[in-house]
């Protein structure tokens, strides 16, 4: 009988331990996020987050090389398309005028007063406003405007005003901008 009491005590102890383990397992399964389906949903959510972040970051890969290339391109652009002196601007305008077969009157250069504001500020470059009147046949004036827009120097036409029109000849007042390197 002593052995039976001892076995009964061991059986009760084992049953109590198994009951406690079962209770802990039930609590674990009832906690949010601990079920297999919740873990799979969480894993899927993390995969979607990773994919979204990868899509956001992809354009930034190699950005250091792209920035270096952009800096080189800007230097080339300034070297090729932004003159050092007003005389280069005048020579180009004169060349375009002769090639188009039109005549120009009184070219006026003014340095834009707004270039000091941060909105218009370009590094080592100042904006120059130019105003002139162009006279010639319609086709030649159109060629002049087209040549200005396609010239190797940057000419930005702001305004064209028709002054007069006499038997095939027109007179246009043209306001445009270009840029000059600051020294």
N, C-alpha and C. Protein backbone atom coordinates (compact mmCIF):
# COMPACT_ATOMS: atom_id res chain seq x y z
N UNK A 1 0.80 -1.18 0.00
CA UNK A 1 0.00 0.00 0.00
C UNK A 1 0.85 1.25 0.00
N UNK A 2 1.97 1.15 0.63
CA UNK A 2 2.87 2.29 0.61
C UNK A 2 3.30 2.61 -0.81
N UNK A 3 3.52 1.57 -1.56
CA UNK A 3 3.94 1.78 -2.95
C UNK A 3 2.81 2.41 -3.76
N UNK A 4 1.59 1.97 -3.45
CA UNK A 4 0.45 2.52 -4.15
C UNK A 4 0.27 4.00 -3.82
N UNK A 5 0.45 4.39 -2.61
CA UNK A 5 0.33 5.80 -2.21
C UNK A 5 1.42 6.62 -2.86
N UNK A 6 2.60 6.01 -2.95
CA UNK A 6 3.72 6.72 -3.57
C UNK A 6 3.47 6.89 -5.07
N UNK A 7 2.95 5.87 -5.72
CA UNK A 7 2.65 5.94 -7.16
C UNK A 7 1.53 6.95 -7.38
N UNK A 8 0.49 6.91 -6.50
CA UNK A 8 -0.62 7.85 -6.61
C UNK A 8 -0.10 9.28 -6.47
N UNK A 9 0.81 9.54 -5.56
CA UNK A 9 1.38 10.87 -5.35
C UNK A 9 2.17 11.31 -6.59
N UNK A 10 2.97 10.39 -7.14
CA UNK A 10 3.75 10.70 -8.34
C UNK A 10 2.81 10.95 -9.53
N UNK A 11 1.73 10.13 -9.63
CA UNK A 11 0.77 10.30 -10.71
C UNK A 11 0.06 11.65 -10.60
N UNK A 12 -0.32 12.05 -9.39
CA UNK A 12 -0.97 13.33 -9.17
C UNK A 12 -0.03 14.48 -9.53
N UNK A 13 1.22 14.34 -9.13
CA UNK A 13 2.22 15.37 -9.44
C UNK A 13 2.41 15.47 -10.96
N UNK A 14 2.53 14.34 -11.65
CA UNK A 14 2.70 14.34 -13.10
C UNK A 14 1.47 14.93 -13.78
N UNK A 15 0.27 14.56 -13.27
CA UNK A 15 -0.97 15.09 -13.83
C UNK A 15 -1.05 16.60 -13.61
N UNK A 16 -0.64 17.09 -12.46
CA UNK A 16 -0.64 18.53 -12.18
C UNK A 16 0.33 19.28 -13.10
N UNK A 17 1.50 18.69 -13.31
CA UNK A 17 2.50 19.34 -14.21
C UNK A 17 1.95 19.37 -15.63
N UNK A 18 1.37 18.27 -16.10
CA UNK A 18 0.80 18.23 -17.46
C UNK A 18 -0.37 19.20 -17.59
N UNK A 19 -1.18 19.33 -16.55
CA UNK A 19 -2.29 20.28 -16.56
C UNK A 19 -1.78 21.71 -16.65
N UNK A 20 -0.71 22.00 -15.90
CA UNK A 20 -0.12 23.34 -15.95
C UNK A 20 0.45 23.63 -17.33
N UNK A 21 1.13 22.63 -17.93
CA UNK A 21 1.67 22.79 -19.29
C UNK A 21 0.53 23.00 -20.27
N UNK A 22 -0.56 22.23 -20.16
CA UNK A 22 -1.71 22.41 -21.04
C UNK A 22 -2.30 23.81 -20.90
N UNK A 23 -2.41 24.27 -19.65
CA UNK A 23 -2.94 25.61 -19.40
C UNK A 23 -2.06 26.67 -20.05
N UNK A 24 -0.74 26.53 -19.92
CA UNK A 24 0.19 27.47 -20.57
C UNK A 24 0.06 27.43 -22.09
N UNK A 25 -0.12 26.23 -22.64
CA UNK A 25 -0.29 26.09 -24.09
C UNK A 25 -1.58 26.75 -24.57
N UNK A 26 -2.64 26.60 -23.81
CA UNK A 26 -3.92 27.22 -24.17
C UNK A 26 -3.78 28.75 -24.13
N UNK A 27 -3.14 29.25 -23.11
CA UNK A 27 -2.92 30.70 -23.01
C UNK A 27 -2.08 31.18 -24.19
N UNK A 28 -1.03 30.44 -24.53
CA UNK A 28 -0.15 30.81 -25.65
C UNK A 28 -0.93 30.86 -26.96
N UNK A 29 -1.80 29.88 -27.17
CA UNK A 29 -2.57 29.84 -28.40
C UNK A 29 -3.63 30.94 -28.46
N UNK A 30 -4.11 31.36 -27.32
CA UNK A 30 -5.15 32.39 -27.31
C UNK A 30 -4.59 33.81 -27.39
N UNK A 31 -3.30 33.99 -27.14
CA UNK A 31 -2.70 35.33 -27.24
C UNK A 31 -2.71 35.80 -28.69
N UNK A 32 -2.96 37.09 -28.92
CA UNK A 32 -2.97 37.58 -30.30
C UNK A 32 -1.57 37.48 -30.91
N UNK A 33 -1.54 37.11 -32.19
CA UNK A 33 -0.28 37.05 -32.91
C UNK A 33 0.49 35.77 -32.69
N UNK A 34 -0.03 34.87 -31.93
CA UNK A 34 0.73 33.65 -31.67
C UNK A 34 0.22 32.47 -32.48
N UNK A 35 -0.92 32.64 -33.14
CA UNK A 35 -1.43 31.55 -33.96
C UNK A 35 -0.65 31.48 -35.27
N UNK A 36 -0.59 30.32 -35.88
CA UNK A 36 0.14 30.18 -37.15
C UNK A 36 -0.40 31.10 -38.23
N UNK A 37 -1.71 31.29 -38.30
CA UNK A 37 -2.26 32.17 -39.33
C UNK A 37 -1.87 33.62 -39.07
N UNK A 38 -1.81 34.03 -37.80
CA UNK A 38 -1.39 35.39 -37.48
C UNK A 38 0.07 35.60 -37.83
N UNK A 39 0.88 34.57 -37.56
CA UNK A 39 2.31 34.68 -37.90
C UNK A 39 2.50 34.75 -39.40
N UNK A 40 1.72 34.00 -40.16
CA UNK A 40 1.82 34.04 -41.61
C UNK A 40 1.38 35.40 -42.14
N UNK A 41 0.33 35.96 -41.55
CA UNK A 41 -0.13 37.29 -41.95
C UNK A 41 0.92 38.35 -41.64
N UNK A 42 1.54 38.23 -40.48
CA UNK A 42 2.59 39.18 -40.11
C UNK A 42 3.79 39.05 -41.05
N UNK A 43 4.14 37.82 -41.40
CA UNK A 43 5.24 37.59 -42.33
C UNK A 43 4.93 38.18 -43.71
N UNK A 44 3.70 38.00 -44.17
CA UNK A 44 3.29 38.56 -45.47
C UNK A 44 3.33 40.08 -45.43
N UNK A 45 2.90 40.66 -44.31
CA UNK A 45 2.94 42.11 -44.15
C UNK A 45 4.38 42.63 -44.22
N UNK A 46 5.28 41.91 -43.57
CA UNK A 46 6.69 42.31 -43.60
C UNK A 46 7.27 42.18 -45.01
N UNK A 47 6.88 41.13 -45.74
CA UNK A 47 7.33 40.99 -47.14
C UNK A 47 6.84 42.16 -47.99
N UNK A 48 5.58 42.55 -47.81
CA UNK A 48 5.03 43.68 -48.57
C UNK A 48 5.75 44.98 -48.22
N UNK A 49 6.06 45.16 -46.93
CA UNK A 49 6.81 46.35 -46.50
C UNK A 49 8.19 46.38 -47.15
N UNK A 50 8.84 45.24 -47.17
CA UNK A 50 10.18 45.16 -47.77
C UNK A 50 10.11 45.50 -49.26
N UNK A 51 9.11 44.96 -49.96
CA UNK A 51 8.96 45.24 -51.39
C UNK A 51 8.72 46.72 -51.63
N UNK A 52 7.88 47.35 -50.81
CA UNK A 52 7.60 48.78 -50.97
C UNK A 52 8.85 49.61 -50.71
N UNK A 53 9.58 49.29 -49.67
CA UNK A 53 10.81 50.03 -49.37
C UNK A 53 11.86 49.83 -50.45
N UNK A 54 11.94 48.63 -51.00
CA UNK A 54 12.89 48.35 -52.09
C UNK A 54 12.54 49.19 -53.31
N UNK A 55 11.24 49.32 -53.63
CA UNK A 55 10.82 50.15 -54.77
C UNK A 55 11.19 51.61 -54.53
N UNK A 56 11.07 52.08 -53.29
CA UNK A 56 11.41 53.47 -52.98
C UNK A 56 12.90 53.72 -53.08
N UNK A 57 13.70 52.75 -52.69
CA UNK A 57 15.14 52.93 -52.61
C UNK A 57 15.83 52.67 -53.96
N UNK A 58 15.21 51.91 -54.83
CA UNK A 58 15.84 51.53 -56.10
C UNK A 58 16.34 52.72 -56.90
N UNK A 59 15.58 53.81 -57.06
CA UNK A 59 16.11 54.94 -57.83
C UNK A 59 17.35 55.59 -57.20
N UNK A 60 17.55 55.39 -55.92
CA UNK A 60 18.68 56.00 -55.24
C UNK A 60 19.96 55.17 -55.35
N UNK A 61 19.86 53.97 -55.86
CA UNK A 61 21.05 53.14 -56.02
C UNK A 61 21.97 53.78 -57.06
N UNK A 62 23.22 53.90 -56.73
CA UNK A 62 24.19 54.49 -57.63
C UNK A 62 24.07 56.00 -57.72
N UNK A 63 23.41 56.62 -56.75
CA UNK A 63 23.18 58.08 -56.80
C UNK A 63 24.49 58.84 -56.78
N UNK A 64 25.51 58.32 -56.11
CA UNK A 64 26.79 59.03 -56.06
C UNK A 64 27.39 59.13 -57.45
N UNK A 65 27.28 58.08 -58.26
CA UNK A 65 27.79 58.12 -59.63
C UNK A 65 26.96 59.07 -60.49
N UNK A 66 25.63 59.04 -60.27
CA UNK A 66 24.74 59.93 -61.03
C UNK A 66 25.03 61.39 -60.69
N UNK A 67 25.30 61.69 -59.42
CA UNK A 67 25.62 63.05 -59.02
C UNK A 67 26.94 63.50 -59.63
N UNK A 68 27.93 62.63 -59.64
CA UNK A 68 29.21 62.97 -60.27
C UNK A 68 29.01 63.25 -61.76
N UNK A 69 28.20 62.42 -62.43
CA UNK A 69 27.92 62.62 -63.85
C UNK A 69 27.18 63.94 -64.07
N UNK A 70 26.24 64.25 -63.20
CA UNK A 70 25.49 65.51 -63.32
C UNK A 70 26.42 66.71 -63.15
N UNK A 71 27.33 66.63 -62.18
CA UNK A 71 28.29 67.72 -61.99
C UNK A 71 29.15 67.91 -63.24
N UNK A 72 29.60 66.81 -63.82
CA UNK A 72 30.39 66.90 -65.06
C UNK A 72 29.57 67.50 -66.19
N UNK A 73 28.30 67.09 -66.29
CA UNK A 73 27.42 67.62 -67.33
C UNK A 73 27.19 69.12 -67.16
N UNK A 74 27.03 69.56 -65.92
CA UNK A 74 26.82 70.99 -65.66
C UNK A 74 28.07 71.78 -66.04
N UNK A 75 29.24 71.25 -65.71
CA UNK A 75 30.49 71.93 -66.09
C UNK A 75 30.61 72.04 -67.60
N UNK A 76 30.28 70.95 -68.32
CA UNK A 76 30.32 70.98 -69.78
C UNK A 76 29.31 71.98 -70.33
N UNK A 77 28.11 71.97 -69.74
CA UNK A 77 27.07 72.89 -70.18
C UNK A 77 27.54 74.34 -70.04
N UNK A 78 28.09 74.69 -68.86
CA UNK A 78 28.59 76.04 -68.64
C UNK A 78 29.71 76.37 -69.62
N UNK A 79 30.61 75.42 -69.85
CA UNK A 79 31.75 75.67 -70.75
C UNK A 79 31.29 75.88 -72.19
N UNK A 80 30.27 75.15 -72.62
CA UNK A 80 29.84 75.21 -74.01
C UNK A 80 28.75 76.25 -74.28
N UNK A 81 27.88 76.50 -73.32
CA UNK A 81 26.68 77.29 -73.59
C UNK A 81 26.58 78.60 -72.84
N UNK A 82 27.52 78.89 -71.96
CA UNK A 82 27.48 80.15 -71.21
C UNK A 82 28.76 80.92 -71.50
N UNK A 83 28.63 82.08 -72.15
CA UNK A 83 29.83 82.84 -72.53
C UNK A 83 30.48 83.54 -71.33
N UNK A 84 31.74 83.94 -71.54
CA UNK A 84 32.50 84.64 -70.51
C UNK A 84 32.30 86.15 -70.58
N UNK A 85 32.03 86.67 -71.78
CA UNK A 85 31.99 88.12 -71.99
C UNK A 85 30.77 88.51 -72.81
N UNK A 86 30.37 89.77 -72.64
CA UNK A 86 29.26 90.31 -73.41
C UNK A 86 29.56 90.26 -74.91
N UNK A 87 30.82 90.41 -75.28
CA UNK A 87 31.18 90.43 -76.70
C UNK A 87 30.83 89.10 -77.38
N UNK A 88 30.93 87.99 -76.67
CA UNK A 88 30.55 86.70 -77.25
C UNK A 88 29.05 86.67 -77.55
N UNK A 89 28.28 87.26 -76.66
CA UNK A 89 26.83 87.32 -76.88
C UNK A 89 26.55 88.17 -78.12
N UNK A 90 27.20 89.32 -78.20
CA UNK A 90 27.00 90.22 -79.34
C UNK A 90 27.40 89.55 -80.64
N UNK A 91 28.52 88.83 -80.63
CA UNK A 91 28.98 88.14 -81.84
C UNK A 91 27.97 87.09 -82.28
N UNK A 92 27.43 86.35 -81.35
CA UNK A 92 26.44 85.33 -81.71
C UNK A 92 25.18 85.94 -82.27
N UNK A 93 24.72 87.00 -81.65
CA UNK A 93 23.50 87.66 -82.15
C UNK A 93 23.76 88.20 -83.56
N UNK A 94 24.91 88.81 -83.77
CA UNK A 94 25.27 89.33 -85.10
C UNK A 94 25.35 88.20 -86.13
N UNK A 95 25.95 87.10 -85.77
CA UNK A 95 26.07 85.94 -86.67
C UNK A 95 24.69 85.41 -87.04
N UNK A 96 23.82 85.26 -86.07
CA UNK A 96 22.47 84.76 -86.33
C UNK A 96 21.71 85.74 -87.22
N UNK A 97 21.90 87.02 -86.96
CA UNK A 97 21.24 88.06 -87.76
C UNK A 97 21.67 87.96 -89.22
N UNK A 98 22.96 87.85 -89.46
CA UNK A 98 23.48 87.77 -90.83
C UNK A 98 23.01 86.50 -91.52
N UNK A 99 23.07 85.38 -90.83
CA UNK A 99 22.65 84.11 -91.43
C UNK A 99 21.17 84.09 -91.77
N UNK A 100 20.35 84.76 -90.96
CA UNK A 100 18.91 84.78 -91.20
C UNK A 100 18.52 85.84 -92.23
N UNK A 101 19.39 86.82 -92.46
CA UNK A 101 19.09 87.87 -93.43
C UNK A 101 18.16 88.95 -92.90
N UNK A 102 18.21 89.22 -91.63
CA UNK A 102 17.39 90.27 -91.04
C UNK A 102 18.30 91.37 -90.52
N UNK A 103 17.71 92.49 -90.16
CA UNK A 103 18.49 93.57 -89.55
C UNK A 103 17.96 93.81 -88.14
N UNK A 104 18.88 94.20 -87.25
CA UNK A 104 18.48 94.49 -85.88
C UNK A 104 18.85 95.92 -85.56
N UNK A 105 18.12 96.48 -84.60
CA UNK A 105 18.37 97.84 -84.18
C UNK A 105 18.61 97.87 -82.68
N UNK A 106 19.55 98.63 -82.27
CA UNK A 106 19.81 98.98 -80.87
C UNK A 106 19.59 97.82 -79.89
N UNK A 107 20.57 96.95 -79.81
CA UNK A 107 20.51 95.86 -78.85
C UNK A 107 20.82 96.42 -77.47
N UNK A 108 19.89 96.22 -76.52
CA UNK A 108 20.09 96.72 -75.16
C UNK A 108 20.28 95.55 -74.21
N UNK A 109 21.34 95.62 -73.42
CA UNK A 109 21.64 94.60 -72.42
C UNK A 109 21.38 95.18 -71.05
N UNK A 110 20.68 94.43 -70.23
CA UNK A 110 20.52 94.82 -68.83
C UNK A 110 20.68 93.58 -67.97
N UNK A 111 21.39 93.77 -66.89
CA UNK A 111 21.53 92.66 -65.96
C UNK A 111 20.28 92.64 -65.11
N UNK A 112 19.63 91.50 -65.06
CA UNK A 112 18.36 91.39 -64.33
C UNK A 112 18.57 91.68 -62.85
N UNK A 113 17.71 92.54 -62.32
CA UNK A 113 17.82 92.92 -60.91
C UNK A 113 17.37 91.79 -59.98
N UNK A 114 16.60 90.85 -60.50
CA UNK A 114 16.11 89.75 -59.68
C UNK A 114 17.11 88.60 -59.55
N UNK A 115 18.25 88.70 -60.20
CA UNK A 115 19.20 87.58 -60.13
C UNK A 115 19.79 87.42 -58.75
N UNK A 116 19.67 88.43 -57.90
CA UNK A 116 20.20 88.29 -56.55
C UNK A 116 19.26 87.51 -55.64
N UNK A 117 18.00 87.39 -56.02
CA UNK A 117 17.09 86.62 -55.18
C UNK A 117 17.41 85.14 -55.35
N UNK A 118 17.15 84.38 -54.32
CA UNK A 118 17.47 82.94 -54.32
C UNK A 118 16.69 82.19 -55.40
N UNK A 119 15.53 82.69 -55.77
CA UNK A 119 14.71 82.02 -56.77
C UNK A 119 15.41 81.96 -58.12
N UNK A 120 16.16 83.01 -58.46
CA UNK A 120 16.78 83.09 -59.77
C UNK A 120 18.29 82.85 -59.73
N UNK A 121 18.84 82.58 -58.60
CA UNK A 121 20.29 82.49 -58.44
C UNK A 121 20.82 81.18 -59.01
N UNK A 122 21.81 81.29 -59.89
CA UNK A 122 22.54 80.15 -60.40
C UNK A 122 23.99 80.32 -60.00
N UNK A 123 24.65 79.24 -59.68
CA UNK A 123 26.03 79.31 -59.21
C UNK A 123 26.94 79.83 -60.31
N UNK A 124 27.68 80.90 -60.02
CA UNK A 124 28.69 81.48 -60.91
C UNK A 124 28.13 81.95 -62.25
N UNK A 125 26.84 82.23 -62.31
CA UNK A 125 26.20 82.67 -63.55
C UNK A 125 25.26 83.82 -63.23
N UNK A 126 25.27 84.83 -64.10
CA UNK A 126 24.29 85.91 -63.95
C UNK A 126 23.41 85.96 -65.19
N UNK A 127 22.17 86.29 -64.99
CA UNK A 127 21.22 86.38 -66.08
C UNK A 127 21.29 87.76 -66.71
N UNK A 128 21.24 87.79 -68.05
CA UNK A 128 21.30 89.04 -68.79
C UNK A 128 20.04 89.14 -69.64
N UNK A 129 19.31 90.25 -69.47
CA UNK A 129 18.13 90.51 -70.31
C UNK A 129 18.57 91.31 -71.52
N UNK A 130 18.04 90.92 -72.69
CA UNK A 130 18.40 91.57 -73.94
C UNK A 130 17.10 91.97 -74.63
N UNK A 131 17.14 93.17 -75.22
CA UNK A 131 15.97 93.67 -75.93
C UNK A 131 16.44 94.30 -77.23
N UNK A 132 15.76 93.97 -78.34
CA UNK A 132 16.12 94.53 -79.64
C UNK A 132 14.91 94.51 -80.55
N UNK A 133 15.06 95.17 -81.69
CA UNK A 133 14.02 95.16 -82.71
C UNK A 133 14.60 94.50 -83.96
N UNK A 134 13.86 93.56 -84.53
CA UNK A 134 14.30 92.83 -85.72
C UNK A 134 13.39 93.20 -86.88
N UNK A 135 13.99 93.54 -88.03
CA UNK A 135 13.25 93.90 -89.23
C UNK A 135 13.62 92.93 -90.35
N UNK A 136 12.61 92.50 -91.11
CA UNK A 136 12.87 91.63 -92.25
C UNK A 136 11.60 90.99 -92.74
N UNK A 137 11.77 90.17 -93.79
CA UNK A 137 10.64 89.43 -94.32
C UNK A 137 10.21 88.40 -93.28
N UNK A 138 8.95 88.02 -93.34
CA UNK A 138 8.39 87.12 -92.34
C UNK A 138 9.21 85.83 -92.22
N UNK A 139 9.53 85.20 -93.33
CA UNK A 139 10.28 83.94 -93.32
C UNK A 139 11.66 84.10 -92.70
N UNK A 140 12.32 85.22 -93.00
CA UNK A 140 13.66 85.45 -92.45
C UNK A 140 13.61 85.73 -90.95
N UNK A 141 12.59 86.46 -90.53
CA UNK A 141 12.43 86.73 -89.10
C UNK A 141 12.14 85.42 -88.36
N UNK A 142 11.32 84.56 -88.97
CA UNK A 142 11.04 83.26 -88.37
C UNK A 142 12.31 82.43 -88.27
N UNK A 143 13.16 82.47 -89.31
CA UNK A 143 14.45 81.76 -89.27
C UNK A 143 15.34 82.31 -88.17
N UNK A 144 15.32 83.64 -87.99
CA UNK A 144 16.11 84.28 -86.93
C UNK A 144 15.69 83.75 -85.55
N UNK A 145 14.39 83.73 -85.32
CA UNK A 145 13.88 83.25 -84.03
C UNK A 145 14.23 81.77 -83.83
N UNK A 146 14.06 80.98 -84.87
CA UNK A 146 14.39 79.56 -84.79
C UNK A 146 15.89 79.36 -84.52
N UNK A 147 16.73 80.13 -85.18
CA UNK A 147 18.17 80.03 -84.99
C UNK A 147 18.56 80.41 -83.56
N UNK A 148 17.89 81.42 -83.00
CA UNK A 148 18.17 81.79 -81.62
C UNK A 148 17.84 80.66 -80.66
N UNK A 149 16.70 80.03 -80.89
CA UNK A 149 16.29 78.94 -80.01
C UNK A 149 17.20 77.72 -80.12
N UNK A 150 17.86 77.55 -81.27
CA UNK A 150 18.71 76.38 -81.48
C UNK A 150 20.19 76.69 -81.37
N UNK A 151 20.55 77.92 -81.06
CA UNK A 151 21.95 78.31 -80.99
C UNK A 151 22.66 77.57 -79.86
N UNK A 152 23.98 77.46 -79.98
CA UNK A 152 24.75 76.77 -78.94
C UNK A 152 24.73 77.54 -77.63
N UNK A 153 24.59 78.86 -77.67
CA UNK A 153 24.39 79.63 -76.45
C UNK A 153 22.92 79.54 -76.05
N UNK A 154 22.66 79.74 -74.80
CA UNK A 154 21.29 79.66 -74.30
C UNK A 154 20.62 81.02 -74.48
N UNK A 155 19.62 81.06 -75.35
CA UNK A 155 18.80 82.25 -75.52
C UNK A 155 17.36 81.84 -75.20
N UNK A 156 16.76 82.51 -74.25
CA UNK A 156 15.38 82.22 -73.85
C UNK A 156 14.52 83.41 -74.25
N UNK A 157 13.67 83.20 -75.22
CA UNK A 157 12.81 84.28 -75.71
C UNK A 157 11.63 84.44 -74.75
N UNK A 158 11.49 85.67 -74.22
CA UNK A 158 10.42 85.97 -73.27
C UNK A 158 9.20 86.58 -73.93
N UNK A 159 9.47 87.49 -74.86
CA UNK A 159 8.35 88.25 -75.42
C UNK A 159 8.67 88.68 -76.84
N UNK A 160 7.67 88.60 -77.70
CA UNK A 160 7.77 89.08 -79.08
C UNK A 160 6.57 89.98 -79.32
N UNK A 161 6.84 91.19 -79.76
CA UNK A 161 5.77 92.16 -80.02
C UNK A 161 5.88 92.63 -81.46
N UNK A 162 4.79 92.57 -82.21
CA UNK A 162 4.75 93.05 -83.59
C UNK A 162 4.63 94.57 -83.57
N UNK A 163 5.66 95.24 -84.11
CA UNK A 163 5.64 96.70 -84.15
C UNK A 163 4.94 97.21 -85.40
N UNK A 164 5.29 96.66 -86.54
CA UNK A 164 4.65 97.12 -87.78
C UNK A 164 4.76 96.03 -88.84
N UNK A 165 3.94 96.22 -89.90
CA UNK A 165 3.94 95.28 -91.00
C UNK A 165 3.69 96.07 -92.27
N UNK A 166 4.67 96.06 -93.17
CA UNK A 166 4.56 96.80 -94.43
C UNK A 166 4.91 95.87 -95.59
N UNK A 167 3.98 95.58 -96.44
CA UNK A 167 4.17 94.81 -97.67
C UNK A 167 5.23 93.71 -97.55
N UNK A 168 4.98 92.73 -96.71
CA UNK A 168 5.87 91.59 -96.59
C UNK A 168 7.00 91.75 -95.60
N UNK A 169 7.26 92.96 -95.13
CA UNK A 169 8.31 93.19 -94.15
C UNK A 169 7.66 93.44 -92.80
N UNK A 170 8.22 92.80 -91.78
CA UNK A 170 7.68 92.99 -90.44
C UNK A 170 8.78 93.49 -89.51
N UNK A 171 8.34 94.13 -88.45
CA UNK A 171 9.25 94.62 -87.43
C UNK A 171 8.78 94.08 -86.08
N UNK A 172 9.66 93.32 -85.43
CA UNK A 172 9.32 92.72 -84.16
C UNK A 172 10.23 93.23 -83.06
N UNK A 173 9.65 93.54 -81.93
CA UNK A 173 10.45 93.84 -80.75
C UNK A 173 10.57 92.53 -79.99
N UNK A 174 11.82 92.10 -79.70
CA UNK A 174 12.06 90.82 -79.06
C UNK A 174 12.79 91.05 -77.75
N UNK A 175 12.26 90.43 -76.69
CA UNK A 175 12.93 90.44 -75.39
C UNK A 175 13.32 89.00 -75.10
N UNK A 176 14.58 88.81 -74.76
CA UNK A 176 15.06 87.47 -74.44
C UNK A 176 16.13 87.54 -73.38
N UNK A 177 16.52 86.37 -72.91
CA UNK A 177 17.51 86.27 -71.85
C UNK A 177 18.62 85.34 -72.27
N UNK A 178 19.77 85.55 -71.68
CA UNK A 178 20.89 84.62 -71.79
C UNK A 178 21.63 84.68 -70.47
N UNK A 179 22.71 83.97 -70.40
CA UNK A 179 23.47 83.91 -69.15
C UNK A 179 24.93 84.21 -69.43
N UNK A 180 25.60 84.73 -68.42
CA UNK A 180 27.01 85.13 -68.53
C UNK A 180 27.72 84.63 -67.30
N UNK A 181 28.91 84.07 -67.50
CA UNK A 181 29.68 83.60 -66.34
C UNK A 181 30.13 84.77 -65.50
N UNK A 182 30.01 84.62 -64.19
CA UNK A 182 30.50 85.66 -63.29
C UNK A 182 31.99 85.46 -63.10
N UNK A 183 32.70 86.57 -63.12
CA UNK A 183 34.16 86.47 -62.94
C UNK A 183 34.58 87.05 -61.63
